[in-house]
Amino acid sequence: MAEKIAMTDEIEERKARAFDTMTGDTIFITQRDGAFYAYQNVCPHLQTELEFLENQFLDQDGEYIQCSTHGALFEVETGECISGPCLGDKLEKVNISVHSDGGIYIVD
């Protein structure tokens, strides 16, 4: 069964928000051009959480996901590190589905 994690109206365009899952993981969801992307809240470099301040997952311009520990930058659409100590690594993607009721669900 899919776990409902959020509603689309909780995540603004070019913003991101963290959510705790039923399995105890923390994920974050961001919106870009009406599409939603979800990743585990873990930097592949040192396995640390990405944000220093609550829900601060994106760089100043809202263009890239940024690790607050070492400044690594990740593409929103793919999770690929394009700058920083984990260059070429990727964030762990979380599969989600947006339903017609506006709910965002984690899918296996």
PDB file of N, CA and C in Angstrom:
ATOM      1  N   MET A   1       0.843  -1.188   0.000  1.00  0.00           N
ATOM      2  CA  MET A   1       0.000   0.000   0.000  1.00  0.00           C
ATOM      3  C   MET A   1       0.889   1.253   0.000  1.00  0.00           C
ATOM      4  N   ALA A   2       0.529   2.218  -0.785  1.00  0.00           N
ATOM      5  CA  ALA A   2       1.301   3.458  -0.879  1.00  0.00           C
ATOM      6  C   ALA A   2       1.069   4.317   0.361  1.00  0.00           C
ATOM      7  N   GLU A   3       2.135   4.952   0.818  1.00  0.00           N
ATOM      8  CA  GLU A   3       2.061   5.824   1.984  1.00  0.00           C
ATOM      9  C   GLU A   3       1.870   7.269   1.530  1.00  0.00           C
ATOM     10  N   LYS A   4       0.781   7.889   1.998  1.00  0.00           N
ATOM     11  CA  LYS A   4       0.563   9.309   1.696  1.00  0.00           C
ATOM     12  C   LYS A   4       1.510  10.119   2.569  1.00  0.00           C
ATOM     13  N   ILE A   5       2.322  10.933   1.938  1.00  0.00           N
ATOM     14  CA  ILE A   5       3.359  11.670   2.660  1.00  0.00           C
ATOM     15  C   ILE A   5       3.074  13.172   2.728  1.00  0.00           C
ATOM     16  N   ALA A   6       2.368  13.704   1.740  1.00  0.00           N
ATOM     17  CA  ALA A   6       2.146  15.154   1.688  1.00  0.00           C
ATOM     18  C   ALA A   6       1.033  15.473   0.706  1.00  0.00           C
ATOM     19  N   MET A   7       0.683  16.748   0.676  1.00  0.00           N
ATOM     20  CA  MET A   7      -0.236  17.284  -0.326  1.00  0.00           C
ATOM     21  C   MET A   7       0.562  18.232  -1.221  1.00  0.00           C
ATOM     22  N   THR A   8       0.180  18.304  -2.477  1.00  0.00           N
ATOM     23  CA  THR A   8       0.933  19.134  -3.423  1.00  0.00           C
ATOM     24  C   THR A   8       0.990  20.600  -2.993  1.00  0.00           C
ATOM     25  N   ASP A   9      -0.064  21.093  -2.357  1.00  0.00           N
ATOM     26  CA  ASP A   9      -0.077  22.508  -1.979  1.00  0.00           C
ATOM     27  C   ASP A   9       0.831  22.815  -0.780  1.00  0.00           C
ATOM     28  N   GLU A  10       1.452  21.793  -0.201  1.00  0.00           N
ATOM     29  CA  GLU A  10       2.397  22.001   0.897  1.00  0.00           C
ATOM     30  C   GLU A  10       3.805  22.317   0.394  1.00  0.00           C
ATOM     31  N   ILE A  11       4.042  22.113  -0.906  1.00  0.00           N
ATOM     32  CA  ILE A  11       5.382  22.280  -1.460  1.00  0.00           C
ATOM     33  C   ILE A  11       5.329  23.298  -2.591  1.00  0.00           C
ATOM     34  N   GLU A  12       5.836  24.487  -2.313  1.00  0.00           N
ATOM     35  CA  GLU A  12       5.808  25.562  -3.306  1.00  0.00           C
ATOM     36  C   GLU A  12       6.847  25.329  -4.400  1.00  0.00           C
ATOM     37  N   GLU A  13       6.602  25.943  -5.542  1.00  0.00           N
ATOM     38  CA  GLU A  13       7.549  25.906  -6.662  1.00  0.00           C
ATOM     39  C   GLU A  13       8.921  26.414  -6.201  1.00  0.00           C
ATOM     40  N   ARG A  14       9.980  25.662  -6.547  1.00  0.00           N
ATOM     41  CA  ARG A  14      11.371  25.998  -6.214  1.00  0.00           C
ATOM     42  C   ARG A  14      11.604  26.109  -4.705  1.00  0.00           C
ATOM     43  N   LYS A  15      10.841  25.337  -3.946  1.00  0.00           N
ATOM     44  CA  LYS A  15      11.046  25.198  -2.499  1.00  0.00           C
ATOM     45  C   LYS A  15      11.128  23.705  -2.211  1.00  0.00           C
ATOM     46  N   ALA A  16      11.516  23.354  -1.008  1.00  0.00           N
ATOM     47  CA  ALA A  16      11.598  21.950  -0.612  1.00  0.00           C
ATOM     48  C   ALA A  16      11.147  21.823   0.831  1.00  0.00           C
ATOM     49  N   ARG A  17      10.686  20.614   1.159  1.00  0.00           N
ATOM     50  CA  ARG A  17      10.209  20.388   2.516  1.00  0.00           C
ATOM     51  C   ARG A  17      10.510  18.954   2.927  1.00  0.00           C
ATOM     52  N   ALA A  18      10.914  18.783   4.181  1.00  0.00           N
ATOM     53  CA  ALA A  18      11.231  17.461   4.716  1.00  0.00           C
ATOM     54  C   ALA A  18       9.982  16.801   5.286  1.00  0.00           C
ATOM     55  N   PHE A  19       9.968  15.476   5.198  1.00  0.00           N
ATOM     56  CA  PHE A  19       8.882  14.669   5.746  1.00  0.00           C
ATOM     57  C   PHE A  19       9.469  13.398   6.341  1.00  0.00           C
ATOM     58  N   ASP A  20       8.909  12.966   7.470  1.00  0.00           N
ATOM     59  CA  ASP A  20       9.302  11.690   8.060  1.00  0.00           C
ATOM     60  C   ASP A  20       8.381  10.610   7.519  1.00  0.00           C
ATOM     61  N   THR A  21       8.966   9.475   7.154  1.00  0.00           N
ATOM     62  CA  THR A  21       8.175   8.364   6.617  1.00  0.00           C
ATOM     63  C   THR A  21       7.800   7.395   7.727  1.00  0.00           C
ATOM     64  N   MET A  22       6.904   6.476   7.431  1.00  0.00           N
ATOM     65  CA  MET A  22       6.492   5.471   8.410  1.00  0.00           C
ATOM     66  C   MET A  22       7.644   4.536   8.769  1.00  0.00           C
ATOM     67  N   THR A  23       8.646   4.432   7.906  1.00  0.00           N
ATOM     68  CA  THR A  23       9.789   3.559   8.181  1.00  0.00           C
ATOM     69  C   THR A  23      10.871   4.263   8.993  1.00  0.00           C
ATOM     70  N   GLY A  24      10.653   5.535   9.324  1.00  0.00           N
ATOM     71  CA  GLY A  24      11.607   6.266  10.141  1.00  0.00           C
ATOM     72  C   GLY A  24      12.636   7.061   9.355  1.00  0.00           C
ATOM     73  N   ASP A  25      12.577   6.987   8.030  1.00  0.00           N
ATOM     74  CA  ASP A  25      13.486   7.770   7.201  1.00  0.00           C
ATOM     75  C   ASP A  25      12.976   9.200   7.088  1.00  0.00           C
ATOM     76  N   THR A  26      13.891  10.111   6.793  1.00  0.00           N
ATOM     77  CA  THR A  26      13.502  11.481   6.464  1.00  0.00           C
ATOM     78  C   THR A  26      13.777  11.686   4.981  1.00  0.00           C
ATOM     79  N   ILE A  27      12.755  12.129   4.276  1.00  0.00           N
ATOM     80  CA  ILE A  27      12.900  12.443   2.861  1.00  0.00           C
ATOM     81  C   ILE A  27      12.576  13.913   2.670  1.00  0.00           C
ATOM     82  N   PHE A  28      12.908  14.432   1.497  1.00  0.00           N
ATOM     83  CA  PHE A  28      12.448  15.777   1.172  1.00  0.00           C
ATOM     84  C   PHE A  28      11.871  15.752  -0.229  1.00  0.00           C
ATOM     85  N   ILE A  29      10.915  16.645  -0.432  1.00  0.00           N
ATOM     86  CA  ILE A  29      10.247  16.764  -1.725  1.00  0.00           C
ATOM     87  C   ILE A  29      10.404  18.199  -2.185  1.00  0.00           C
ATOM     88  N   THR A  30      10.706  18.361  -3.468  1.00  0.00           N
ATOM     89  CA  THR A  30      10.817  19.687  -4.051  1.00  0.00           C
ATOM     90  C   THR A  30       9.986  19.736  -5.336  1.00  0.00           C
ATOM     91  N   GLN A  31       9.591  20.930  -5.713  1.00  0.00           N
ATOM     92  CA  GLN A  31       8.792  21.110  -6.927  1.00  0.00           C
ATOM     93  C   GLN A  31       9.567  21.963  -7.920  1.00  0.00           C
ATOM     94  N   ARG A  32       9.580  21.506  -9.179  1.00  0.00           N
ATOM     95  CA  ARG A  32      10.220  22.257 -10.251  1.00  0.00           C
ATOM     96  C   ARG A  32       9.322  22.194 -11.466  1.00  0.00           C
ATOM     97  N   ASP A  33       8.838  23.342 -11.910  1.00  0.00           N
ATOM     98  CA  ASP A  33       7.990  23.438 -13.100  1.00  0.00           C
ATOM     99  C   ASP A  33       6.785  22.501 -13.019  1.00  0.00           C
ATOM    100  N   GLY A  34       6.190  22.421 -11.839  1.00  0.00           N
ATOM    101  CA  GLY A  34       4.985  21.620 -11.644  1.00  0.00           C
ATOM    102  C   GLY A  34       5.226  20.145 -11.411  1.00  0.00           C
ATOM    103  N   ALA A  35       6.472  19.688 -11.504  1.00  0.00           N
ATOM    104  CA  ALA A  35       6.804  18.280 -11.236  1.00  0.00           C
ATOM    105  C   ALA A  35       7.407  18.170  -9.840  1.00  0.00           C
ATOM    106  N   PHE A  36       7.180  17.045  -9.192  1.00  0.00           N
ATOM    107  CA  PHE A  36       7.665  16.832  -7.837  1.00  0.00           C
ATOM    108  C   PHE A  36       8.765  15.776  -7.838  1.00  0.00           C
ATOM    109  N   TYR A  37       9.815  16.030  -7.042  1.00  0.00           N
ATOM    110  CA  TYR A  37      10.962  15.137  -6.937  1.00  0.00           C
ATOM    111  C   TYR A  37      11.220  14.871  -5.461  1.00  0.00           C
ATOM    112  N   ALA A  38      11.508  13.612  -5.129  1.00  0.00           N
ATOM    113  CA  ALA A  38      11.739  13.244  -3.728  1.00  0.00           C
ATOM    114  C   ALA A  38      13.043  12.463  -3.603  1.00  0.00           C
ATOM    115  N   TYR A  39      13.765  12.762  -2.527  1.00  0.00           N
ATOM    116  CA  TYR A  39      15.051  12.107  -2.251  1.00  0.00           C
ATOM    117  C   TYR A  39      15.187  11.845  -0.762  1.00  0.00           C
ATOM    118  N   GLN A  40      16.020  10.846  -0.427  1.00  0.00           N
ATOM    119  CA  GLN A  40      16.395  10.641   0.966  1.00  0.00           C
ATOM    120  C   GLN A  40      17.196  11.853   1.420  1.00  0.00           C
ATOM    121  N   ASN A  41      17.032  12.246   2.676  1.00  0.00           N
ATOM    122  CA  ASN A  41      17.748  13.398   3.215  1.00  0.00           C
ATOM    123  C   ASN A  41      19.136  12.960   3.701  1.00  0.00           C
ATOM    124  N   VAL A  42      19.952  12.481   2.761  1.00  0.00           N
ATOM    125  CA  VAL A  42      21.297  11.997   3.083  1.00  0.00           C
ATOM    126  C   VAL A  42      22.244  12.390   1.953  1.00  0.00           C
ATOM    127  N   CYS A  43      23.318  13.098   2.296  1.00  0.00           N
ATOM    128  CA  CYS A  43      24.344  13.426   1.307  1.00  0.00           C
ATOM    129  C   CYS A  43      25.209  12.190   1.073  1.00  0.00           C
ATOM    130  N   PRO A  44      25.490  11.846  -0.189  1.00  0.00           N
ATOM    131  CA  PRO A  44      26.301  10.665  -0.461  1.00  0.00           C
ATOM    132  C   PRO A  44      27.762  10.804  -0.027  1.00  0.00           C
ATOM    133  N   HIS A  45      28.204  12.009   0.278  1.00  0.00           N
ATOM    134  CA  HIS A  45      29.606  12.235   0.654  1.00  0.00           C
ATOM    135  C   HIS A  45      29.914  11.690   2.050  1.00  0.00           C
ATOM    136  N   LEU A  46      29.230  12.178   3.074  1.00  0.00           N
ATOM    137  CA  LEU A  46      29.497  11.757   4.455  1.00  0.00           C
ATOM    138  C   LEU A  46      28.261  11.195   5.152  1.00  0.00           C
ATOM    139  N   GLN A  47      27.220  10.927   4.392  1.00  0.00           N
ATOM    140  CA  GLN A  47      25.984  10.381   4.953  1.00  0.00           C
ATOM    141  C   GLN A  47      25.358  11.311   5.997  1.00  0.00           C
ATOM    142  N   THR A  48      25.534  12.618   5.810  1.00  0.00           N
ATOM    143  CA  THR A  48      24.943  13.598   6.721  1.00  0.00           C
ATOM    144  C   THR A  48      23.640  14.108   6.128  1.00  0.00           C
ATOM    145  N   GLU A  49      22.802  14.693   6.979  1.00  0.00           N
ATOM    146  CA  GLU A  49      21.591  15.329   6.465  1.00  0.00           C
ATOM    147  C   GLU A  49      22.000  16.532   5.622  1.00  0.00           C
ATOM    148  N   LEU A  50      21.191  16.838   4.620  1.00  0.00           N
ATOM    149  CA  LEU A  50      21.554  17.886   3.667  1.00  0.00           C
ATOM    150  C   LEU A  50      21.367  19.296   4.207  1.00  0.00           C
ATOM    151  N   GLU A  51      20.338  19.514   5.005  1.00  0.00           N
ATOM    152  CA  GLU A  51      20.024  20.890   5.391  1.00  0.00           C
ATOM    153  C   GLU A  51      20.590  21.237   6.761  1.00  0.00           C
ATOM    154  N   PHE A  52      21.028  22.486   6.903  1.00  0.00           N
ATOM    155  CA  PHE A  52      21.512  23.011   8.178  1.00  0.00           C
ATOM    156  C   PHE A  52      20.342  23.640   8.930  1.00  0.00           C
ATOM    157  N   LEU A  53      19.517  24.371   8.206  1.00  0.00           N
ATOM    158  CA  LEU A  53      18.298  24.950   8.762  1.00  0.00           C
ATOM    159  C   LEU A  53      17.115  24.155   8.237  1.00  0.00           C
ATOM    160  N   GLU A  54      16.062  24.083   9.011  1.00  0.00           N
ATOM    161  CA  GLU A  54      14.896  23.285   8.640  1.00  0.00           C
ATOM    162  C   GLU A  54      14.371  23.657   7.250  1.00  0.00           C
ATOM    163  N   ASN A  55      14.218  22.630   6.414  1.00  0.00           N
ATOM    164  CA  ASN A  55      13.663  22.758   5.061  1.00  0.00           C
ATOM    165  C   ASN A  55      14.502  23.631   4.125  1.00  0.00           C
ATOM    166  N   GLN A  56      15.778  23.820   4.414  1.00  0.00           N
ATOM    167  CA  GLN A  56      16.669  24.585   3.534  1.00  0.00           C
ATOM    168  C   GLN A  56      17.496  23.604   2.696  1.00  0.00           C
ATOM    169  N   PHE A  57      16.882  23.063   1.671  1.00  0.00           N
ATOM    170  CA  PHE A  57      17.527  22.063   0.828  1.00  0.00           C
ATOM    171  C   PHE A  57      18.076  22.634  -0.474  1.00  0.00           C
ATOM    172  N   LEU A  58      17.627  23.815  -0.857  1.00  0.00           N
ATOM    173  CA  LEU A  58      18.005  24.378  -2.147  1.00  0.00           C
ATOM    174  C   LEU A  58      18.989  25.521  -1.964  1.00  0.00           C
ATOM    175  N   ASP A  59      19.759  25.786  -3.020  1.00  0.00           N
ATOM    176  CA  ASP A  59      20.683  26.914  -2.979  1.00  0.00           C
ATOM    177  C   ASP A  59      19.899  28.222  -2.954  1.00  0.00           C
ATOM    178  N   GLN A  60      20.617  29.313  -2.833  1.00  0.00           N
ATOM    179  CA  GLN A  60      19.996  30.636  -2.684  1.00  0.00           C
ATOM    180  C   GLN A  60      19.035  30.967  -3.821  1.00  0.00           C
ATOM    181  N   ASP A  61      19.347  30.521  -5.030  1.00  0.00           N
ATOM    182  CA  ASP A  61      18.512  30.818  -6.190  1.00  0.00           C
ATOM    183  C   ASP A  61      17.396  29.794  -6.399  1.00  0.00           C
ATOM    184  N   GLY A  62      17.371  28.730  -5.597  1.00  0.00           N
ATOM    185  CA  GLY A  62      16.371  27.691  -5.767  1.00  0.00           C
ATOM    186  C   GLY A  62      16.609  26.845  -7.006  1.00  0.00           C
ATOM    187  N   GLU A  63      17.840  26.883  -7.522  1.00  0.00           N
ATOM    188  CA  GLU A  63      18.170  26.197  -8.768  1.00  0.00           C
ATOM    189  C   GLU A  63      18.643  24.762  -8.535  1.00  0.00           C
ATOM    190  N   TYR A  64      19.415  24.545  -7.459  1.00  0.00           N
ATOM    191  CA  TYR A  64      19.996  23.235  -7.177  1.00  0.00           C
ATOM    192  C   TYR A  64      19.731  22.828  -5.738  1.00  0.00           C
ATOM    193  N   ILE A  65      19.753  21.530  -5.495  1.00  0.00           N
ATOM    194  CA  ILE A  65      19.762  21.009  -4.130  1.00  0.00           C
ATOM    195  C   ILE A  65      21.184  21.213  -3.624  1.00  0.00           C
ATOM    196  N   GLN A  66      21.319  21.691  -2.386  1.00  0.00           N
ATOM    197  CA  GLN A  66      22.653  21.985  -1.862  1.00  0.00           C
ATOM    198  C   GLN A  66      22.851  21.325  -0.509  1.00  0.00           C
ATOM    199  N   CYS A  67      23.983  20.662  -0.332  1.00  0.00           N
ATOM    200  CA  CYS A  67      24.356  20.106   0.966  1.00  0.00           C
ATOM    201  C   CYS A  67      24.956  21.228   1.805  1.00  0.00           C
ATOM    202  N   SER A  68      24.415  21.430   2.987  1.00  0.00           N
ATOM    203  CA  SER A  68      24.899  22.523   3.826  1.00  0.00           C
ATOM    204  C   SER A  68      26.264  22.223   4.439  1.00  0.00           C
ATOM    205  N   THR A  69      26.670  20.950   4.484  1.00  0.00           N
ATOM    206  CA  THR A  69      27.943  20.598   5.116  1.00  0.00           C
ATOM    207  C   THR A  69      29.143  21.021   4.275  1.00  0.00           C
ATOM    208  N   HIS A  70      29.149  20.663   2.985  1.00  0.00           N
ATOM    209  CA  HIS A  70      30.294  20.976   2.133  1.00  0.00           C
ATOM    210  C   HIS A  70      29.923  21.749   0.867  1.00  0.00           C
ATOM    211  N   GLY A  71      28.661  22.142   0.733  1.00  0.00           N
ATOM    212  CA  GLY A  71      28.260  22.962  -0.410  1.00  0.00           C
ATOM    213  C   GLY A  71      28.061  22.208  -1.704  1.00  0.00           C
ATOM    214  N   ALA A  72      28.049  20.882  -1.662  1.00  0.00           N
ATOM    215  CA  ALA A  72      27.829  20.113  -2.892  1.00  0.00           C
ATOM    216  C   ALA A  72      26.494  20.511  -3.510  1.00  0.00           C
ATOM    217  N   LEU A  73      26.455  20.554  -4.843  1.00  0.00           N
ATOM    218  CA  LEU A  73      25.235  20.904  -5.569  1.00  0.00           C
ATOM    219  C   LEU A  73      24.739  19.690  -6.351  1.00  0.00           C
ATOM    220  N   PHE A  74      23.417  19.472  -6.332  1.00  0.00           N
ATOM    221  CA  PHE A  74      22.790  18.349  -7.008  1.00  0.00           C
ATOM    222  C   PHE A  74      21.691  18.854  -7.921  1.00  0.00           C
ATOM    223  N   GLU A  75      21.561  18.230  -9.098  1.00  0.00           N
ATOM    224  CA  GLU A  75      20.470  18.581 -10.006  1.00  0.00           C
ATOM    225  C   GLU A  75      19.144  18.123  -9.394  1.00  0.00           C
ATOM    226  N   VAL A  76      18.143  18.990  -9.471  1.00  0.00           N
ATOM    227  CA  VAL A  76      16.833  18.677  -8.906  1.00  0.00           C
ATOM    228  C   VAL A  76      16.209  17.470  -9.607  1.00  0.00           C
ATOM    229  N   GLU A  77      16.295  17.425 -10.919  1.00  0.00           N
ATOM    230  CA  GLU A  77      15.593  16.396 -11.689  1.00  0.00           C
ATOM    231  C   GLU A  77      16.222  15.002 -11.565  1.00  0.00           C
ATOM    232  N   THR A  78      17.533  14.932 -11.354  1.00  0.00           N
ATOM    233  CA  THR A  78      18.217  13.634 -11.352  1.00  0.00           C
ATOM    234  C   THR A  78      18.873  13.276 -10.024  1.00  0.00           C
ATOM    235  N   GLY A  79      19.126  14.260  -9.183  1.00  0.00           N
ATOM    236  CA  GLY A  79      19.838  14.021  -7.930  1.00  0.00           C
ATOM    237  C   GLY A  79      21.336  13.886  -8.108  1.00  0.00           C
ATOM    238  N   GLU A  80      21.847  14.093  -9.323  1.00  0.00           N
ATOM    239  CA  GLU A  80      23.277  13.928  -9.582  1.00  0.00           C
ATOM    240  C   GLU A  80      24.070  15.102  -9.030  1.00  0.00           C
ATOM    241  N   CYS A  81      25.185  14.781  -8.360  1.00  0.00           N
ATOM    242  CA  CYS A  81      26.079  15.808  -7.843  1.00  0.00           C
ATOM    243  C   CYS A  81      26.873  16.400  -9.002  1.00  0.00           C
ATOM    244  N   ILE A  82      26.775  17.723  -9.175  1.00  0.00           N
ATOM    245  CA  ILE A  82      27.469  18.394 -10.273  1.00  0.00           C
ATOM    246  C   ILE A  82      28.603  19.283  -9.783  1.00  0.00           C
ATOM    247  N   SER A  83      28.719  19.426  -8.447  1.00  0.00           N
ATOM    248  CA  SER A  83      29.773  20.253  -7.871  1.00  0.00           C
ATOM    249  C   SER A  83      29.987  19.841  -6.423  1.00  0.00           C
ATOM    250  N   GLY A  84      31.251  19.717  -6.026  1.00  0.00           N
ATOM    251  CA  GLY A  84      31.552  19.395  -4.639  1.00  0.00           C
ATOM    252  C   GLY A  84      32.255  18.065  -4.482  1.00  0.00           C
ATOM    253  N   PRO A  85      32.458  17.632  -3.228  1.00  0.00           N
ATOM    254  CA  PRO A  85      33.278  16.453  -2.940  1.00  0.00           C
ATOM    255  C   PRO A  85      32.671  15.120  -3.387  1.00  0.00           C
ATOM    256  N   CYS A  86      31.405  15.094  -3.710  1.00  0.00           N
ATOM    257  CA  CYS A  86      30.778  13.834  -4.147  1.00  0.00           C
ATOM    258  C   CYS A  86      30.431  13.881  -5.635  1.00  0.00           C
ATOM    259  N   LEU A  87      31.184  14.650  -6.413  1.00  0.00           N
ATOM    260  CA  LEU A  87      30.960  14.815  -7.850  1.00  0.00           C
ATOM    261  C   LEU A  87      30.718  13.470  -8.526  1.00  0.00           C
ATOM    262  N   GLY A  88      29.625  13.362  -9.253  1.00  0.00           N
ATOM    263  CA  GLY A  88      29.286  12.137  -9.968  1.00  0.00           C
ATOM    264  C   GLY A  88      28.408  11.190  -9.178  1.00  0.00           C
ATOM    265  N   ASP A  89      28.351  11.330  -7.851  1.00  0.00           N
ATOM    266  CA  ASP A  89      27.436  10.521  -7.041  1.00  0.00           C
ATOM    267  C   ASP A  89      26.023  11.071  -7.192  1.00  0.00           C
ATOM    268  N   LYS A  90      25.065  10.333  -6.668  1.00  0.00           N
ATOM    269  CA  LYS A  90      23.666  10.774  -6.745  1.00  0.00           C
ATOM    270  C   LYS A  90      22.996  10.658  -5.389  1.00  0.00           C
ATOM    271  N   LEU A  91      22.020  11.536  -5.185  1.00  0.00           N
ATOM    272  CA  LEU A  91      21.135  11.383  -4.034  1.00  0.00           C
ATOM    273  C   LEU A  91      20.268  10.154  -4.267  1.00  0.00           C
ATOM    274  N   GLU A  92      19.810   9.535  -3.181  1.00  0.00           N
ATOM    275  CA  GLU A  92      18.951   8.363  -3.307  1.00  0.00           C
ATOM    276  C   GLU A  92      17.510   8.811  -3.562  1.00  0.00           C
ATOM    277  N   LYS A  93      17.035   8.523  -4.768  1.00  0.00           N
ATOM    278  CA  LYS A  93      15.696   8.933  -5.188  1.00  0.00           C
ATOM    279  C   LYS A  93      14.629   8.134  -4.446  1.00  0.00           C
ATOM    280  N   VAL A  94      13.527   8.798  -4.138  1.00  0.00           N
ATOM    281  CA  VAL A  94      12.358   8.161  -3.548  1.00  0.00           C
ATOM    282  C   VAL A  94      11.250   8.209  -4.590  1.00  0.00           C
ATOM    283  N   ASN A  95      10.689   7.059  -4.920  1.00  0.00           N
ATOM    284  CA  ASN A  95       9.620   7.018  -5.923  1.00  0.00           C
ATOM    285  C   ASN A  95       8.321   7.518  -5.314  1.00  0.00           C
ATOM    286  N   ILE A  96       7.755   8.526  -5.976  1.00  0.00           N
ATOM    287  CA  ILE A  96       6.494   9.100  -5.511  1.00  0.00           C
ATOM    288  C   ILE A  96       5.499   9.142  -6.663  1.00  0.00           C
ATOM    289  N   SER A  97       4.244   9.275  -6.285  1.00  0.00           N
ATOM    290  CA  SER A  97       3.162   9.394  -7.255  1.00  0.00           C
ATOM    291  C   SER A  97       2.213  10.482  -6.765  1.00  0.00           C
ATOM    292  N   VAL A  98       1.813  11.370  -7.672  1.00  0.00           N
ATOM    293  CA  VAL A  98       0.861  12.427  -7.337  1.00  0.00           C
ATOM    294  C   VAL A  98      -0.516  11.968  -7.795  1.00  0.00           C
ATOM    295  N   HIS A  99      -1.444  11.871  -6.852  1.00  0.00           N
ATOM    296  CA  HIS A  99      -2.801  11.394  -7.150  1.00  0.00           C
ATOM    297  C   HIS A  99      -3.735  12.563  -7.446  1.00  0.00           C
ATOM    298  N   SER A 100      -4.870  12.258  -7.995  1.00  0.00           N
ATOM    299  CA  SER A 100      -5.829  13.296  -8.396  1.00  0.00           C
ATOM    300  C   SER A 100      -6.386  14.073  -7.201  1.00  0.00           C
ATOM    301  N   ASP A 101      -6.288  13.503  -5.988  1.00  0.00           N
ATOM    302  CA  ASP A 101      -6.757  14.227  -4.796  1.00  0.00           C
ATOM    303  C   ASP A 101      -5.721  15.247  -4.295  1.00  0.00           C
ATOM    304  N   GLY A 102      -4.579  15.366  -5.022  1.00  0.00           N
ATOM    305  CA  GLY A 102      -3.520  16.285  -4.625  1.00  0.00           C
ATOM    306  C   GLY A 102      -2.538  15.675  -3.637  1.00  0.00           C
ATOM    307  N   GLY A 103      -2.756  14.406  -3.302  1.00  0.00           N
ATOM    308  CA  GLY A 103      -1.851  13.724  -2.386  1.00  0.00           C
ATOM    309  C   GLY A 103      -0.597  13.247  -3.092  1.00  0.00           C
ATOM    310  N   ILE A 104       0.516  13.307  -2.363  1.00  0.00           N
ATOM    311  CA  ILE A 104       1.778  12.751  -2.855  1.00  0.00           C
ATOM    312  C   ILE A 104       2.037  11.485  -2.045  1.00  0.00           C
ATOM    313  N   TYR A 105       2.201  10.381  -2.761  1.00  0.00           N
ATOM    314  CA  TYR A 105       2.342   9.074  -2.128  1.00  0.00           C
ATOM    315  C   TYR A 105       3.698   8.479  -2.456  1.00  0.00           C
ATOM    316  N   ILE A 106       4.307   7.807  -1.463  1.00  0.00           N
ATOM    317  CA  ILE A 106       5.509   7.023  -1.713  1.00  0.00           C
ATOM    318  C   ILE A 106       5.083   5.689  -2.281  1.00  0.00           C
ATOM    319  N   VAL A 107       5.705   5.290  -3.361  1.00  0.00           N
ATOM    320  CA  VAL A 107       5.395   3.993  -3.990  1.00  0.00           C
ATOM    321  C   VAL A 107       6.629   3.123  -3.969  1.00  0.00           C
ATOM    322  N   ASP A 108       6.412   1.830  -3.896  1.00  0.00           N
ATOM    323  CA  ASP A 108       7.531   0.861  -3.869  1.00  0.00           C
ATOM    324  C   ASP A 108       8.164   0.721  -5.226  1.00  0.00           C
TER     325      ASP A 108
END
